[in-house]
Protein backbone atom coordinates (compact mmCIF):
# COMPACT_ATOMS: atom_id res chain seq x y z
CA UNK A 1 24.85 12.05 -24.16
CA UNK A 2 20.96 11.21 -24.20
CA UNK A 3 19.81 9.04 -21.50
CA UNK A 4 16.29 7.20 -21.52
CA UNK A 5 14.82 5.18 -18.94
CA UNK A 6 12.06 2.70 -18.11
CA UNK A 7 9.63 3.02 -15.09
CA UNK A 8 11.04 0.98 -12.20
CA UNK A 9 10.01 -2.99 -12.15
CA UNK A 10 9.21 -5.29 -9.41
CA UNK A 11 9.56 -9.21 -10.05
CA UNK A 12 9.04 -11.68 -6.90
CA UNK A 13 12.29 -13.53 -8.45
CA UNK A 14 15.81 -13.43 -6.92
CA UNK A 15 18.22 -10.84 -8.53
CA UNK A 16 20.32 -14.22 -9.36
CA UNK A 17 17.31 -15.17 -11.50
CA UNK A 18 16.46 -12.41 -13.50
CA UNK A 19 20.05 -11.66 -14.18
CA UNK A 20 20.61 -14.97 -15.12
CA UNK A 21 17.29 -14.72 -17.81
CA UNK A 22 18.64 -11.52 -19.19
CA UNK A 23 22.48 -12.75 -19.62
CA UNK A 24 20.82 -14.66 -22.44
CA UNK A 25 20.58 -12.80 -25.71
CA UNK A 26 18.04 -14.72 -27.22
CA UNK A 27 15.21 -14.08 -24.14
CA UNK A 28 15.16 -10.35 -25.67
CA UNK A 29 12.96 -11.56 -28.20
CA UNK A 30 10.36 -12.43 -25.56
CA UNK A 31 10.69 -8.81 -24.29
CA UNK A 32 10.86 -6.73 -27.19
CA UNK A 33 7.22 -5.19 -28.45
CA UNK A 34 6.21 -7.73 -31.17
CA UNK A 35 4.28 -4.58 -32.73
CA UNK A 36 7.44 -2.13 -32.71
CA UNK A 37 10.50 -4.62 -33.90
CA UNK A 38 10.67 -7.38 -36.55
CA UNK A 39 13.34 -9.65 -37.68
CA UNK A 40 15.00 -10.64 -34.33
CA UNK A 41 18.08 -12.89 -34.37
CA UNK A 42 20.84 -14.03 -31.48
CA UNK A 43 23.85 -15.14 -30.71
CA UNK A 44 25.35 -16.37 -27.52
CA UNK A 45 26.71 -12.92 -27.34
CA UNK A 46 24.85 -10.74 -29.52
CA UNK A 47 21.09 -9.98 -30.47
CA UNK A 48 19.47 -7.61 -33.05
CA UNK A 49 16.80 -6.64 -34.24
CA UNK A 50 14.55 -3.87 -36.80
CA UNK A 51 12.85 -1.31 -34.55
CA UNK A 52 9.71 0.81 -35.94
CA UNK A 53 10.52 -0.82 -39.37
CA UNK A 54 13.43 1.65 -39.80
CA UNK A 55 16.60 1.12 -37.82
CA UNK A 56 18.26 -2.19 -37.85
CA UNK A 57 20.30 -2.34 -34.03
CA UNK A 58 22.20 -4.67 -32.96
CA UNK A 59 23.48 -5.36 -29.01
CA UNK A 60 26.66 -7.12 -27.80
CA UNK A 61 26.69 -8.26 -23.99
CA UNK A 62 29.41 -6.42 -22.32
CA UNK A 63 29.05 -7.62 -18.67
CA UNK A 64 26.76 -9.26 -16.05
CA UNK A 65 27.22 -8.46 -12.67
CA UNK A 66 25.24 -9.02 -9.45
CA UNK A 67 23.42 -5.77 -10.01
CA UNK A 68 23.88 -4.87 -13.81
CA UNK A 69 23.57 -6.07 -17.03
CA UNK A 70 25.17 -4.25 -19.79
CA UNK A 71 24.52 -4.52 -23.73
CA UNK A 72 26.87 -2.25 -26.36
CA UNK A 73 25.66 -0.84 -29.13
CA UNK A 74 27.80 -2.50 -32.28
CA UNK A 75 29.70 0.10 -34.77
CA UNK A 76 27.20 -1.30 -37.91
CA UNK A 77 24.33 0.93 -35.64
CA UNK A 78 22.70 3.81 -36.66
CA UNK A 79 23.83 5.66 -33.61
CA UNK A 80 25.59 4.88 -30.37
CA UNK A 81 24.30 3.57 -27.66
CA UNK A 82 24.51 1.15 -24.50
CA UNK A 83 21.83 -0.73 -23.29
CA UNK A 84 21.96 -1.31 -18.92
CA UNK A 85 19.59 -3.37 -17.04
CA UNK A 86 19.76 -2.15 -13.13
CA UNK A 87 18.44 -4.54 -10.70
CA UNK A 88 18.31 -4.37 -6.79
CA UNK A 89 17.15 -6.95 -4.58
CA UNK A 90 14.52 -6.29 -1.74
CA UNK A 91 13.09 -8.57 0.78
CA UNK A 92 10.71 -10.09 -1.34
CA UNK A 93 11.60 -9.24 -4.88
CA UNK A 94 13.89 -7.77 -7.50
CA UNK A 95 13.39 -4.14 -8.49
CA UNK A 96 14.69 -2.15 -11.47
CA UNK A 97 14.83 -0.32 -14.75
CA UNK A 98 16.04 -0.27 -18.35
CA UNK A 99 18.28 2.24 -19.43
CA UNK A 100 19.57 3.32 -22.64
CA UNK A 101 22.07 5.71 -23.21
CA UNK A 102 22.94 7.21 -26.74
CA UNK A 103 24.77 9.64 -29.04
CA UNK A 104 21.82 11.31 -30.85
CA UNK A 105 22.01 14.40 -32.69
CA UNK A 106 19.30 16.82 -32.33
CA UNK A 107 17.44 15.40 -35.26
CA UNK A 108 17.81 11.77 -34.41
CA UNK A 109 16.89 12.61 -30.67
CA UNK A 110 13.65 14.64 -32.23
CA UNK A 111 13.04 11.25 -34.66
CA UNK A 112 13.56 8.59 -31.75
CA UNK A 113 13.25 9.87 -28.55
CA UNK A 114 9.48 8.52 -27.81
CA UNK A 115 9.77 5.16 -29.78
CA UNK A 116 12.55 4.52 -27.68
CA UNK A 117 10.97 5.49 -24.45
CA UNK A 118 8.24 3.47 -25.57
CA UNK A 119 10.23 0.49 -26.60
CA UNK A 120 11.88 0.43 -23.08
CA UNK A 121 8.36 0.96 -21.07
CA UNK A 122 7.06 -2.16 -23.01
CA UNK A 123 10.35 -3.91 -22.56
CA UNK A 124 10.20 -3.32 -18.84
CA UNK A 125 6.57 -4.63 -18.40
CA UNK A 126 7.16 -7.63 -20.68
CA UNK A 127 10.39 -8.71 -18.47
CA UNK A 128 8.06 -8.51 -15.38
CA UNK A 129 5.17 -9.80 -17.17
CA UNK A 130 6.90 -13.23 -18.15
CA UNK A 131 9.24 -13.29 -15.20
CA UNK A 132 5.70 -13.44 -13.06
CA UNK A 133 4.54 -16.05 -14.86
CA UNK A 134 7.40 -18.36 -15.72
CA UNK A 135 8.56 -18.92 -12.29
């Protein structure tokens, strides 16, 4: 199991507000970097997109609790993975990070580890930016 994490983010919003935003699959279209992804689609419980013009990835919401949001990769994905968003309320803001836990063979790891890491970092930055400007 390979674990990749974004940088830590800080958002001047309550954890409840951040969790509410992240619980809506349609909002991931606002977080995914446009230059790295395409063909974004969503339902009330799932979202999917094409990453780096190569892999079509689909996720389904599993849990949204106070400090954790979990989306599980669907079996149709080219590799098994889960997406987690960890949140923590501090006095003035919500801090957290986005994490992927993936089953990657050595070849796939060499091929997609850096693009996945970049994807997570940009998603975290887009989340911070979007919620900072949309109170």
